[in-house]
Every structure is written in structure tokens, then in C-alpha cells.
Amino acid sequence: PVSVPHTRDSAARCAAKTVAPAPPTVSLLAHYAKGTHSIHGNITAPDACTSVTAEATTTGDASSTAIILSLSMPQDSGTCLELPTDLSFSASVAAPADAPILVTVNGEAASTTTP
């Protein structure tokens, strides 16, 4: 007798090996003028069908204010060519000149670089 694996057996093994992707790196520049931080930059999306939205808010009190830059990149559920694509974003927020900027992508902390 010959034993041939079923496709359902192969698919189950492949699904178990899924690894969570690393958080993306965000490239950003911030400009401060008249009490407002203008933040713009780029992030690499997994495909050209993905979009990005940016929202900047502040957290903390008057002596320790930080800027939270929240980037949202919802996963596209349609068929799309998986070609990494750079997406631009911008946001502004009123905060002290020395406020640090913390970046999240889809709620997860992201690393940042400056061009």
C-alpha cells in the first residue's frame, strides 16, 4: 500500500508555523514652531493596498509631557500584490518644545529613525 498525505494535513502544519511580524520602523522628522510640533515621515507598508492614518496627542502633566504619535495601518482584506510600499503621514500637536515623541503602529511600540 502507498500512503499519500492529504492536503488538509499539510495546511495544518503550515498554519502552526506562523510568526508574528516585527513592528515596522518609522522614519520621521519633527519641526517645532509657536508651540506646535509638526511631525511628518514615512512607514513601509506590506503592500500598495495598505493605507496609513496618523494622530498626534499628548500625555502626562505640565512637567513631563510626551507626544504620542499613533499610526494606524489596517490590514487590507482584498487581493493585492505584496510589494513593500513607502507611505507618507503627517500630524500636528501643541506641546512643549522638549516633549519626546513616542510612536505606535496599530497599538504596538515602533522604533524610529530620522532621515
PDB file of N, CA and C in Angstrom:
ATOM      1  N   PRO A   1       0.827  -1.188   0.000  1.00  0.00           N
ATOM      2  CA  PRO A   1       0.000   0.000   0.000  1.00  0.00           C
ATOM      3  C   PRO A   1       0.884   1.269   0.000  1.00  0.00           C
ATOM      4  N   VAL A   2       0.396   2.276  -0.693  1.00  0.00           N
ATOM      5  CA  VAL A   2       1.083   3.560  -0.774  1.00  0.00           C
ATOM      6  C   VAL A   2       0.335   4.560   0.099  1.00  0.00           C
ATOM      7  N   SER A   3       1.083   5.344   0.894  1.00  0.00           N
ATOM      8  CA  SER A   3       0.472   6.350   1.753  1.00  0.00           C
ATOM      9  C   SER A   3       0.722   7.736   1.160  1.00  0.00           C
ATOM     10  N   VAL A   4      -0.331   8.476   0.914  1.00  0.00           N
ATOM     11  CA  VAL A   4      -0.233   9.818   0.351  1.00  0.00           C
ATOM     12  C   VAL A   4      -0.829  10.796   1.369  1.00  0.00           C
ATOM     13  N   PRO A   5      -0.052  11.828   1.752  1.00  0.00           N
ATOM     14  CA  PRO A   5      -0.601  12.787   2.727  1.00  0.00           C
ATOM     15  C   PRO A   5      -1.752  13.586   2.111  1.00  0.00           C
ATOM     16  N   HIS A   6      -2.709  13.914   2.919  1.00  0.00           N
ATOM     17  CA  HIS A   6      -3.836  14.739   2.489  1.00  0.00           C
ATOM     18  C   HIS A   6      -3.440  16.204   2.558  1.00  0.00           C
ATOM     19  N   THR A   7      -4.012  17.026   1.685  1.00  0.00           N
ATOM     20  CA  THR A   7      -3.703  18.456   1.694  1.00  0.00           C
ATOM     21  C   THR A   7      -4.108  19.112   3.009  1.00  0.00           C
ATOM     22  N   ARG A   8      -5.148  18.598   3.642  1.00  0.00           N
ATOM     23  CA  ARG A   8      -5.565  19.178   4.929  1.00  0.00           C
ATOM     24  C   ARG A   8      -4.486  18.984   5.993  1.00  0.00           C
ATOM     25  N   ASP A   9      -3.706  17.885   5.921  1.00  0.00           N
ATOM     26  CA  ASP A   9      -2.619  17.651   6.872  1.00  0.00           C
ATOM     27  C   ASP A   9      -1.498  18.649   6.657  1.00  0.00           C
ATOM     28  N   SER A  10      -1.176  18.948   5.418  1.00  0.00           N
ATOM     29  CA  SER A  10      -0.104  19.895   5.084  1.00  0.00           C
ATOM     30  C   SER A  10      -0.477  21.310   5.508  1.00  0.00           C
ATOM     31  N   ALA A  11      -1.710  21.717   5.267  1.00  0.00           N
ATOM     32  CA  ALA A  11      -2.155  23.070   5.623  1.00  0.00           C
ATOM     33  C   ALA A  11      -2.113  23.286   7.129  1.00  0.00           C
ATOM     34  N   ALA A  12      -2.456  22.257   7.901  1.00  0.00           N
ATOM     35  CA  ALA A  12      -2.433  22.386   9.363  1.00  0.00           C
ATOM     36  C   ALA A  12      -1.013  22.613   9.862  1.00  0.00           C
ATOM     37  N   ARG A  13      -0.037  21.931   9.256  1.00  0.00           N
ATOM     38  CA  ARG A  13       1.360  22.114   9.679  1.00  0.00           C
ATOM     39  C   ARG A  13       1.866  23.499   9.315  1.00  0.00           C
ATOM     40  N   CYS A  14       1.486  24.023   8.156  1.00  0.00           N
ATOM     41  CA  CYS A  14       1.924  25.352   7.723  1.00  0.00           C
ATOM     42  C   CYS A  14       1.339  26.442   8.622  1.00  0.00           C
ATOM     43  N   ALA A  15       0.078  26.312   8.999  1.00  0.00           N
ATOM     44  CA  ALA A  15      -0.572  27.318   9.823  1.00  0.00           C
ATOM     45  C   ALA A  15       0.072  27.414  11.201  1.00  0.00           C
ATOM     46  N   ALA A  16       0.594  26.316  11.706  1.00  0.00           N
ATOM     47  CA  ALA A  16       1.195  26.311  13.036  1.00  0.00           C
ATOM     48  C   ALA A  16       2.534  27.045  13.067  1.00  0.00           C
ATOM     49  N   LYS A  17       3.138  27.281  11.910  1.00  0.00           N
ATOM     50  CA  LYS A  17       4.453  27.913  11.858  1.00  0.00           C
ATOM     51  C   LYS A  17       4.386  29.423  11.646  1.00  0.00           C
ATOM     52  N   THR A  18       3.213  30.024  11.737  1.00  0.00           N
ATOM     53  CA  THR A  18       3.050  31.455  11.526  1.00  0.00           C
ATOM     54  C   THR A  18       3.806  32.223  12.612  1.00  0.00           C
ATOM     55  N   VAL A  19       4.598  33.198  12.180  1.00  0.00           N
ATOM     56  CA  VAL A  19       5.373  34.027  13.104  1.00  0.00           C
ATOM     57  C   VAL A  19       4.857  35.451  13.018  1.00  0.00           C
ATOM     58  N   ALA A  20       4.685  36.101  14.156  1.00  0.00           N
ATOM     59  CA  ALA A  20       4.222  37.490  14.171  1.00  0.00           C
ATOM     60  C   ALA A  20       5.283  38.391  13.547  1.00  0.00           C
ATOM     61  N   PRO A  21       4.859  39.317  12.679  1.00  0.00           N
ATOM     62  CA  PRO A  21       5.834  40.203  12.050  1.00  0.00           C
ATOM     63  C   PRO A  21       6.408  41.198  13.058  1.00  0.00           C
ATOM     64  N   ALA A  22       7.645  41.613  12.801  1.00  0.00           N
ATOM     65  CA  ALA A  22       8.280  42.608  13.666  1.00  0.00           C
ATOM     66  C   ALA A  22       7.604  43.953  13.437  1.00  0.00           C
ATOM     67  N   PRO A  23       7.530  44.797  14.476  1.00  0.00           N
ATOM     68  CA  PRO A  23       6.927  46.107  14.273  1.00  0.00           C
ATOM     69  C   PRO A  23       7.749  46.905  13.253  1.00  0.00           C
ATOM     70  N   PRO A  24       7.082  47.649  12.390  1.00  0.00           N
ATOM     71  CA  PRO A  24       7.810  48.390  11.366  1.00  0.00           C
ATOM     72  C   PRO A  24       8.605  49.546  11.950  1.00  0.00           C
ATOM     73  N   THR A  25       9.639  49.945  11.224  1.00  0.00           N
ATOM     74  CA  THR A  25      10.421  51.118  11.612  1.00  0.00           C
ATOM     75  C   THR A  25       9.811  52.339  10.946  1.00  0.00           C
ATOM     76  N   VAL A  26       9.681  53.402  11.705  1.00  0.00           N
ATOM     77  CA  VAL A  26       9.075  54.638  11.235  1.00  0.00           C
ATOM     78  C   VAL A  26      10.167  55.691  11.074  1.00  0.00           C
ATOM     79  N   SER A  27      10.220  56.298   9.911  1.00  0.00           N
ATOM     80  CA  SER A  27      11.149  57.393   9.659  1.00  0.00           C
ATOM     81  C   SER A  27      10.370  58.691   9.842  1.00  0.00           C
ATOM     82  N   LEU A  28      10.852  59.578  10.728  1.00  0.00           N
ATOM     83  CA  LEU A  28      10.099  60.811  10.956  1.00  0.00           C
ATOM     84  C   LEU A  28      10.985  62.021  11.187  1.00  0.00           C
ATOM     85  N   LEU A  29      10.408  63.174  10.877  1.00  0.00           N
ATOM     86  CA  LEU A  29      11.005  64.473  11.151  1.00  0.00           C
ATOM     87  C   LEU A  29       9.973  65.280  11.909  1.00  0.00           C
ATOM     88  N   ALA A  30      10.440  66.065  12.882  1.00  0.00           N
ATOM     89  CA  ALA A  30       9.534  66.921  13.637  1.00  0.00           C
ATOM     90  C   ALA A  30      10.067  68.350  13.599  1.00  0.00           C
ATOM     91  N   HIS A  31       9.164  69.280  13.387  1.00  0.00           N
ATOM     92  CA  HIS A  31       9.506  70.696  13.362  1.00  0.00           C
ATOM     93  C   HIS A  31       8.659  71.383  14.421  1.00  0.00           C
ATOM     94  N   TYR A  32       9.299  72.230  15.245  1.00  0.00           N
ATOM     95  CA  TYR A  32       8.597  72.927  16.322  1.00  0.00           C
ATOM     96  C   TYR A  32       8.565  74.414  16.020  1.00  0.00           C
ATOM     97  N   ALA A  33       7.389  75.014  16.069  1.00  0.00           N
ATOM     98  CA  ALA A  33       7.245  76.458  15.883  1.00  0.00           C
ATOM     99  C   ALA A  33       5.987  76.934  16.595  1.00  0.00           C
ATOM    100  N   LYS A  34       6.115  78.004  17.351  1.00  0.00           N
ATOM    101  CA  LYS A  34       4.982  78.654  18.017  1.00  0.00           C
ATOM    102  C   LYS A  34       4.122  77.693  18.835  1.00  0.00           C
ATOM    103  N   GLY A  35       4.775  76.788  19.562  1.00  0.00           N
ATOM    104  CA  GLY A  35       4.064  75.888  20.455  1.00  0.00           C
ATOM    105  C   GLY A  35       3.499  74.633  19.819  1.00  0.00           C
ATOM    106  N   THR A  36       3.745  74.434  18.524  1.00  0.00           N
ATOM    107  CA  THR A  36       3.183  73.279  17.827  1.00  0.00           C
ATOM    108  C   THR A  36       4.278  72.437  17.188  1.00  0.00           C
ATOM    109  N   HIS A  37       4.175  71.120  17.392  1.00  0.00           N
ATOM    110  CA  HIS A  37       5.063  70.163  16.730  1.00  0.00           C
ATOM    111  C   HIS A  37       4.376  69.696  15.444  1.00  0.00           C
ATOM    112  N   SER A  38       5.045  69.868  14.320  1.00  0.00           N
ATOM    113  CA  SER A  38       4.567  69.329  13.042  1.00  0.00           C
ATOM    114  C   SER A  38       5.428  68.108  12.747  1.00  0.00           C
ATOM    115  N   ILE A  39       4.800  66.956  12.671  1.00  0.00           N
ATOM    116  CA  ILE A  39       5.519  65.692  12.515  1.00  0.00           C
ATOM    117  C   ILE A  39       5.128  65.088  11.168  1.00  0.00           C
ATOM    118  N   HIS A  40       6.123  64.706  10.387  1.00  0.00           N
ATOM    119  CA  HIS A  40       5.837  64.008   9.139  1.00  0.00           C
ATOM    120  C   HIS A  40       6.904  62.950   8.921  1.00  0.00           C
ATOM    121  N   GLY A  41       6.549  61.961   8.121  1.00  0.00           N
ATOM    122  CA  GLY A  41       7.504  60.894   7.881  1.00  0.00           C
ATOM    123  C   GLY A  41       6.957  59.829   6.959  1.00  0.00           C
ATOM    124  N   ASN A  42       7.637  58.677   6.984  1.00  0.00           N
ATOM    125  CA  ASN A  42       7.291  57.540   6.134  1.00  0.00           C
ATOM    126  C   ASN A  42       7.293  56.255   6.944  1.00  0.00           C
ATOM    127  N   ILE A  43       6.505  55.307   6.469  1.00  0.00           N
ATOM    128  CA  ILE A  43       6.488  53.965   7.018  1.00  0.00           C
ATOM    129  C   ILE A  43       6.330  53.007   5.841  1.00  0.00           C
ATOM    130  N   THR A  44       6.963  51.855   5.916  1.00  0.00           N
ATOM    131  CA  THR A  44       6.859  50.881   4.844  1.00  0.00           C
ATOM    132  C   THR A  44       5.698  49.933   5.126  1.00  0.00           C
ATOM    133  N   ALA A  45       4.745  49.922   4.210  1.00  0.00           N
ATOM    134  CA  ALA A  45       3.582  49.039   4.311  1.00  0.00           C
ATOM    135  C   ALA A  45       3.893  47.742   3.569  1.00  0.00           C
ATOM    136  N   PRO A  46       3.213  46.647   3.939  1.00  0.00           N
ATOM    137  CA  PRO A  46       3.490  45.363   3.294  1.00  0.00           C
ATOM    138  C   PRO A  46       3.068  45.304   1.824  1.00  0.00           C
ATOM    139  N   ASP A  47       2.125  46.189   1.425  1.00  0.00           N
ATOM    140  CA  ASP A  47       1.667  46.193   0.033  1.00  0.00           C
ATOM    141  C   ASP A  47       1.087  47.554  -0.313  1.00  0.00           C
ATOM    142  N   ALA A  48       0.822  47.760  -1.608  1.00  0.00           N
ATOM    143  CA  ALA A  48       0.327  49.054  -2.086  1.00  0.00           C
ATOM    144  C   ALA A  48      -1.133  49.298  -1.730  1.00  0.00           C
ATOM    145  N   CYS A  49      -1.861  48.287  -1.278  1.00  0.00           N
ATOM    146  CA  CYS A  49      -3.277  48.442  -0.923  1.00  0.00           C
ATOM    147  C   CYS A  49      -3.463  48.941   0.512  1.00  0.00           C
ATOM    148  N   THR A  50      -2.412  48.959   1.306  1.00  0.00           N
ATOM    149  CA  THR A  50      -2.485  49.399   2.698  1.00  0.00           C
ATOM    150  C   THR A  50      -2.437  50.915   2.767  1.00  0.00           C
ATOM    151  N   SER A  51      -3.175  51.496   3.696  1.00  0.00           N
ATOM    152  CA  SER A  51      -3.150  52.938   3.910  1.00  0.00           C
ATOM    153  C   SER A  51      -2.682  53.212   5.340  1.00  0.00           C
ATOM    154  N   VAL A  52      -2.302  54.451   5.603  1.00  0.00           N
ATOM    155  CA  VAL A  52      -1.863  54.835   6.948  1.00  0.00           C
ATOM    156  C   VAL A  52      -2.583  56.112   7.359  1.00  0.00           C
ATOM    157  N   THR A  53      -2.991  56.167   8.633  1.00  0.00           N
ATOM    158  CA  THR A  53      -3.515  57.397   9.218  1.00  0.00           C
ATOM    159  C   THR A  53      -2.672  57.711  10.443  1.00  0.00           C
ATOM    160  N   ALA A  54      -2.517  58.995  10.729  1.00  0.00           N
ATOM    161  CA  ALA A  54      -1.677  59.427  11.852  1.00  0.00           C
ATOM    162  C   ALA A  54      -2.466  60.372  12.750  1.00  0.00           C
ATOM    163  N   GLU A  55      -2.284  60.199  14.060  1.00  0.00           N
ATOM    164  CA  GLU A  55      -2.898  61.082  15.041  1.00  0.00           C
ATOM    165  C   GLU A  55      -1.875  61.357  16.134  1.00  0.00           C
ATOM    166  N   ALA A  56      -1.647  62.633  16.441  1.00  0.00           N
ATOM    167  CA  ALA A  56      -0.709  63.021  17.495  1.00  0.00           C
ATOM    168  C   ALA A  56      -1.494  63.566  18.684  1.00  0.00           C
ATOM    169  N   THR A  57      -1.192  63.046  19.875  1.00  0.00           N
ATOM    170  CA  THR A  57      -1.815  63.504  21.112  1.00  0.00           C
ATOM    171  C   THR A  57      -0.721  63.686  22.156  1.00  0.00           C
ATOM    172  N   THR A  58      -1.080  64.286  23.278  1.00  0.00           N
ATOM    173  CA  THR A  58      -0.109  64.438  24.366  1.00  0.00           C
ATOM    174  C   THR A  58      -0.565  63.632  25.565  1.00  0.00           C
ATOM    175  N   THR A  59       0.403  63.280  26.388  1.00  0.00           N
ATOM    176  CA  THR A  59       0.127  62.562  27.623  1.00  0.00           C
ATOM    177  C   THR A  59       1.035  63.123  28.708  1.00  0.00           C
ATOM    178  N   GLY A  60       0.646  62.964  29.940  1.00  0.00           N
ATOM    179  CA  GLY A  60       1.451  63.459  31.057  1.00  0.00           C
ATOM    180  C   GLY A  60       0.926  64.793  31.572  1.00  0.00           C
ATOM    181  N   ASP A  61       1.717  65.409  32.457  1.00  0.00           N
ATOM    182  CA  ASP A  61       1.316  66.695  33.022  1.00  0.00           C
ATOM    183  C   ASP A  61       2.245  67.797  32.503  1.00  0.00           C
ATOM    184  N   ALA A  62       2.096  69.000  33.045  1.00  0.00           N
ATOM    185  CA  ALA A  62       2.863  70.149  32.551  1.00  0.00           C
ATOM    186  C   ALA A  62       4.372  69.952  32.681  1.00  0.00           C
ATOM    187  N   SER A  63       4.813  69.170  33.674  1.00  0.00           N
ATOM    188  CA  SER A  63       6.256  68.995  33.881  1.00  0.00           C
ATOM    189  C   SER A  63       6.841  67.815  33.116  1.00  0.00           C
ATOM    190  N   SER A  64       5.994  66.917  32.601  1.00  0.00           N
ATOM    191  CA  SER A  64       6.522  65.749  31.889  1.00  0.00           C
ATOM    192  C   SER A  64       5.602  65.335  30.738  1.00  0.00           C
ATOM    193  N   THR A  65       5.415  66.234  29.810  1.00  0.00           N
ATOM    194  CA  THR A  65       4.547  65.964  28.671  1.00  0.00           C
ATOM    195  C   THR A  65       5.296  65.158  27.608  1.00  0.00           C
ATOM    196  N   ALA A  66       4.630  64.173  27.033  1.00  0.00           N
ATOM    197  CA  ALA A  66       5.170  63.407  25.913  1.00  0.00           C
ATOM    198  C   ALA A  66       4.153  63.435  24.779  1.00  0.00           C
ATOM    199  N   ILE A  67       4.649  63.294  23.563  1.00  0.00           N
ATOM    200  CA  ILE A  67       3.783  63.237  22.388  1.00  0.00           C
ATOM    201  C   ILE A  67       3.638  61.777  21.982  1.00  0.00           C
ATOM    202  N   ILE A  68       2.409  61.354  21.777  1.00  0.00           N
ATOM    203  CA  ILE A  68       2.134  60.004  21.286  1.00  0.00           C
ATOM    204  C   ILE A  68       1.688  60.143  19.831  1.00  0.00           C
ATOM    205  N   LEU A  69       2.489  59.607  18.919  1.00  0.00           N
ATOM    206  CA  LEU A  69       2.124  59.580  17.506  1.00  0.00           C
ATOM    207  C   LEU A  69       1.577  58.188  17.221  1.00  0.00           C
ATOM    208  N   SER A  70       0.265  58.107  16.991  1.00  0.00           N
ATOM    209  CA  SER A  70      -0.399  56.827  16.757  1.00  0.00           C
ATOM    210  C   SER A  70      -0.628  56.658  15.263  1.00  0.00           C
ATOM    211  N   LEU A  71       0.035  55.660  14.685  1.00  0.00           N
ATOM    212  CA  LEU A  71      -0.156  55.339  13.271  1.00  0.00           C
ATOM    213  C   LEU A  71      -1.037  54.108  13.173  1.00  0.00           C
ATOM    214  N   SER A  72      -1.995  54.160  12.287  1.00  0.00           N
ATOM    215  CA  SER A  72      -2.896  53.029  12.081  1.00  0.00           C
ATOM    216  C   SER A  72      -2.757  52.559  10.638  1.00  0.00           C
ATOM    217  N   MET A  73      -2.446  51.268  10.479  1.00  0.00           N
ATOM    218  CA  MET A  73      -2.335  50.651   9.162  1.00  0.00           C
ATOM    219  C   MET A  73      -3.204  49.400   9.155  1.00  0.00           C
ATOM    220  N   PRO A  74      -4.501  49.548   8.886  1.00  0.00           N
ATOM    221  CA  PRO A  74      -5.361  48.366   8.877  1.00  0.00           C
ATOM    222  C   PRO A  74      -4.959  47.421   7.756  1.00  0.00           C
ATOM    223  N   GLN A  75      -5.053  46.125   8.027  1.00  0.00           N
ATOM    224  CA  GLN A  75      -4.719  45.127   7.016  1.00  0.00           C
ATOM    225  C   GLN A  75      -5.795  45.119   5.951  1.00  0.00           C
ATOM    226  N   ASP A  76      -5.371  45.077   4.705  1.00  0.00           N
ATOM    227  CA  ASP A  76      -6.296  45.033   3.587  1.00  0.00           C
ATOM    228  C   ASP A  76      -6.778  43.594   3.430  1.00  0.00           C
ATOM    229  N   SER A  77      -8.072  43.410   3.277  1.00  0.00           N
ATOM    230  CA  SER A  77      -8.620  42.059   3.177  1.00  0.00           C
ATOM    231  C   SER A  77      -8.753  41.588   1.733  1.00  0.00           C
ATOM    232  N   GLY A  78      -8.490  42.471   0.787  1.00  0.00           N
ATOM    233  CA  GLY A  78      -8.600  42.101  -0.618  1.00  0.00           C
ATOM    234  C   GLY A  78      -7.310  41.523  -1.154  1.00  0.00           C
ATOM    235  N   THR A  79      -7.338  41.157  -2.409  1.00  0.00           N
ATOM    236  CA  THR A  79      -6.160  40.627  -3.075  1.00  0.00           C
ATOM    237  C   THR A  79      -5.285  41.798  -3.502  1.00  0.00           C
ATOM    238  N   CYS A  80      -4.001  41.711  -3.190  1.00  0.00           N
ATOM    239  CA  CYS A  80      -3.089  42.797  -3.515  1.00  0.00           C
ATOM    240  C   CYS A  80      -1.687  42.231  -3.680  1.00  0.00           C
ATOM    241  N   LEU A  81      -0.930  42.795  -4.588  1.00  0.00           N
ATOM    242  CA  LEU A  81       0.450  42.391  -4.797  1.00  0.00           C
ATOM    243  C   LEU A  81       1.263  42.753  -3.555  1.00  0.00           C
ATOM    244  N   GLU A  82       1.933  41.775  -2.973  1.00  0.00           N
ATOM    245  CA  GLU A  82       2.706  42.008  -1.761  1.00  0.00           C
ATOM    246  C   GLU A  82       4.062  42.610  -2.105  1.00  0.00           C
ATOM    247  N   LEU A  83       4.045  43.892  -2.410  1.00  0.00           N
ATOM    248  CA  LEU A  83       5.243  44.642  -2.735  1.00  0.00           C
ATOM    249  C   LEU A  83       5.361  45.761  -1.713  1.00  0.00           C
ATOM    250  N   PRO A  84       6.390  45.745  -0.840  1.00  0.00           N
ATOM    251  CA  PRO A  84       6.521  46.787   0.177  1.00  0.00           C
ATOM    252  C   PRO A  84       6.455  48.180  -0.452  1.00  0.00           C
ATOM    253  N   THR A  85       5.681  49.056   0.192  1.00  0.00           N
ATOM    254  CA  THR A  85       5.418  50.393  -0.334  1.00  0.00           C
ATOM    255  C   THR A  85       5.612  51.421   0.769  1.00  0.00           C
ATOM    256  N   ASP A  86       6.356  52.502   0.471  1.00  0.00           N
ATOM    257  CA  ASP A  86       6.521  53.590   1.434  1.00  0.00           C
ATOM    258  C   ASP A  86       5.285  54.474   1.434  1.00  0.00           C
ATOM    259  N   LEU A  87       4.741  54.724   2.622  1.00  0.00           N
ATOM    260  CA  LEU A  87       3.580  55.589   2.783  1.00  0.00           C
ATOM    261  C   LEU A  87       3.974  56.802   3.610  1.00  0.00           C
ATOM    262  N   SER A  88       3.486  57.978   3.234  1.00  0.00           N
ATOM    263  CA  SER A  88       3.762  59.214   3.965  1.00  0.00           C
ATOM    264  C   SER A  88       2.629  59.506   4.935  1.00  0.00           C
ATOM    265  N   PHE A  89       2.973  60.205   6.029  1.00  0.00           N
ATOM    266  CA  PHE A  89       1.976  60.625   7.009  1.00  0.00           C
ATOM    267  C   PHE A  89       2.394  61.977   7.572  1.00  0.00           C
ATOM    268  N   SER A  90       1.446  62.671   8.192  1.00  0.00           N
ATOM    269  CA  SER A  90       1.756  63.916   8.896  1.00  0.00           C
ATOM    270  C   SER A  90       0.712  64.138   9.980  1.00  0.00           C
ATOM    271  N   ALA A  91       1.130  64.839  11.025  1.00  0.00           N
ATOM    272  CA  ALA A  91       0.245  65.174  12.138  1.00  0.00           C
ATOM    273  C   ALA A  91       0.845  66.370  12.872  1.00  0.00           C
ATOM    274  N   SER A  92       0.013  67.094  13.589  1.00  0.00           N
ATOM    275  CA  SER A  92       0.467  68.240  14.385  1.00  0.00           C
ATOM    276  C   SER A  92      -0.171  68.179  15.755  1.00  0.00           C
ATOM    277  N   VAL A  93       0.562  68.708  16.756  1.00  0.00           N
ATOM    278  CA  VAL A  93       0.030  68.742  18.114  1.00  0.00           C
ATOM    279  C   VAL A  93       0.733  69.853  18.893  1.00  0.00           C
ATOM    280  N   ALA A  94      -0.004  70.515  19.775  1.00  0.00           N
ATOM    281  CA  ALA A  94       0.571  71.532  20.650  1.00  0.00           C
ATOM    282  C   ALA A  94       1.202  70.834  21.848  1.00  0.00           C
ATOM    283  N   ALA A  95       2.485  71.141  22.100  1.00  0.00           N
ATOM    284  CA  ALA A  95       3.212  70.535  23.223  1.00  0.00           C
ATOM    285  C   ALA A  95       4.474  71.356  23.471  1.00  0.00           C
ATOM    286  N   PRO A  96       5.090  71.201  24.652  1.00  0.00           N
ATOM    287  CA  PRO A  96       6.338  71.903  24.926  1.00  0.00           C
ATOM    288  C   PRO A  96       7.428  71.521  23.914  1.00  0.00           C
ATOM    289  N   ALA A  97       8.374  72.404  23.711  1.00  0.00           N
ATOM    290  CA  ALA A  97       9.437  72.203  22.718  1.00  0.00           C
ATOM    291  C   ALA A  97      10.241  70.934  22.965  1.00  0.00           C
ATOM    292  N   ASP A  98      10.459  70.567  24.237  1.00  0.00           N
ATOM    293  CA  ASP A  98      11.321  69.417  24.548  1.00  0.00           C
ATOM    294  C   ASP A  98      10.552  68.106  24.757  1.00  0.00           C
ATOM    295  N   ALA A  99       9.283  68.069  24.389  1.00  0.00           N
ATOM    296  CA  ALA A  99       8.479  66.860  24.592  1.00  0.00           C
ATOM    297  C   ALA A  99       8.992  65.726  23.703  1.00  0.00           C
ATOM    298  N   PRO A 100       9.258  64.546  24.287  1.00  0.00           N
ATOM    299  CA  PRO A 100       9.679  63.410  23.466  1.00  0.00           C
ATOM    300  C   PRO A 100       8.509  62.878  22.638  1.00  0.00           C
ATOM    301  N   ILE A 101       8.832  62.251  21.511  1.00  0.00           N
ATOM    302  CA  ILE A 101       7.812  61.669  20.634  1.00  0.00           C
ATOM    303  C   ILE A 101       7.895  60.147  20.719  1.00  0.00           C
ATOM    304  N   LEU A 102       6.790  59.533  21.121  1.00  0.00           N
ATOM    305  CA  LEU A 102       6.676  58.083  21.188  1.00  0.00           C
ATOM    306  C   LEU A 102       5.758  57.642  20.066  1.00  0.00           C
ATOM    307  N   VAL A 103       6.156  56.615  19.313  1.00  0.00           N
ATOM    308  CA  VAL A 103       5.395  56.193  18.138  1.00  0.00           C
ATOM    309  C   VAL A 103       4.834  54.796  18.340  1.00  0.00           C
ATOM    310  N   THR A 104       3.567  54.634  17.970  1.00  0.00           N
ATOM    311  CA  THR A 104       2.955  53.308  17.956  1.00  0.00           C
ATOM    312  C   THR A 104       2.378  53.044  16.560  1.00  0.00           C
ATOM    313  N   VAL A 105       2.399  51.782  16.164  1.00  0.00           N
ATOM    314  CA  VAL A 105       1.780  51.352  14.911  1.00  0.00           C
ATOM    315  C   VAL A 105       0.779  50.260  15.265  1.00  0.00           C
ATOM    316  N   ASN A 106      -0.471  50.530  14.995  1.00  0.00           N
ATOM    317  CA  ASN A 106      -1.555  49.601  15.354  1.00  0.00           C
ATOM    318  C   ASN A 106      -1.493  49.224  16.836  1.00  0.00           C
ATOM    319  N   GLY A 107      -1.163  50.202  17.677  1.00  0.00           N
ATOM    320  CA  GLY A 107      -1.136  49.998  19.116  1.00  0.00           C
ATOM    321  C   GLY A 107       0.149  49.409  19.672  1.00  0.00           C
ATOM    322  N   GLU A 108       1.099  49.025  18.819  1.00  0.00           N
ATOM    323  CA  GLU A 108       2.365  48.436  19.257  1.00  0.00           C
ATOM    324  C   GLU A 108       3.487  49.484  19.142  1.00  0.00           C
ATOM    325  N   ALA A 109       4.387  49.514  20.122  1.00  0.00           N
ATOM    326  CA  ALA A 109       5.516  50.438  20.077  1.00  0.00           C
ATOM    327  C   ALA A 109       6.355  50.181  18.829  1.00  0.00           C
ATOM    328  N   ALA A 110       6.803  51.255  18.194  1.00  0.00           N
ATOM    329  CA  ALA A 110       7.613  51.129  16.977  1.00  0.00           C
ATOM    330  C   ALA A 110       8.934  51.859  17.171  1.00  0.00           C
ATOM    331  N   SER A 111       9.953  51.395  16.480  1.00  0.00           N
ATOM    332  CA  SER A 111      11.228  52.094  16.528  1.00  0.00           C
ATOM    333  C   SER A 111      11.212  53.195  15.475  1.00  0.00           C
ATOM    334  N   THR A 112      12.010  54.233  15.715  1.00  0.00           N
ATOM    335  CA  THR A 112      12.019  55.376  14.800  1.00  0.00           C
ATOM    336  C   THR A 112      13.434  55.685  14.329  1.00  0.00           C
ATOM    337  N   THR A 113      13.501  56.275  13.163  1.00  0.00           N
ATOM    338  CA  THR A 113      14.752  56.778  12.628  1.00  0.00           C
ATOM    339  C   THR A 113      14.496  58.169  12.085  1.00  0.00           C
ATOM    340  N   THR A 114      15.542  58.946  11.914  1.00  0.00           N
ATOM    341  CA  THR A 114      15.430  60.254  11.275  1.00  0.00           C
ATOM    342  C   THR A 114      16.268  60.243  10.017  1.00  0.00           C
ATOM    343  N   PRO A 115      15.701  60.738   8.916  1.00  0.00           N
ATOM    344  CA  PRO A 115      16.460  60.710   7.650  1.00  0.00           C
ATOM    345  C   PRO A 115      17.633  61.676   7.661  1.00  0.00           C
TER     346      PRO A 115
END
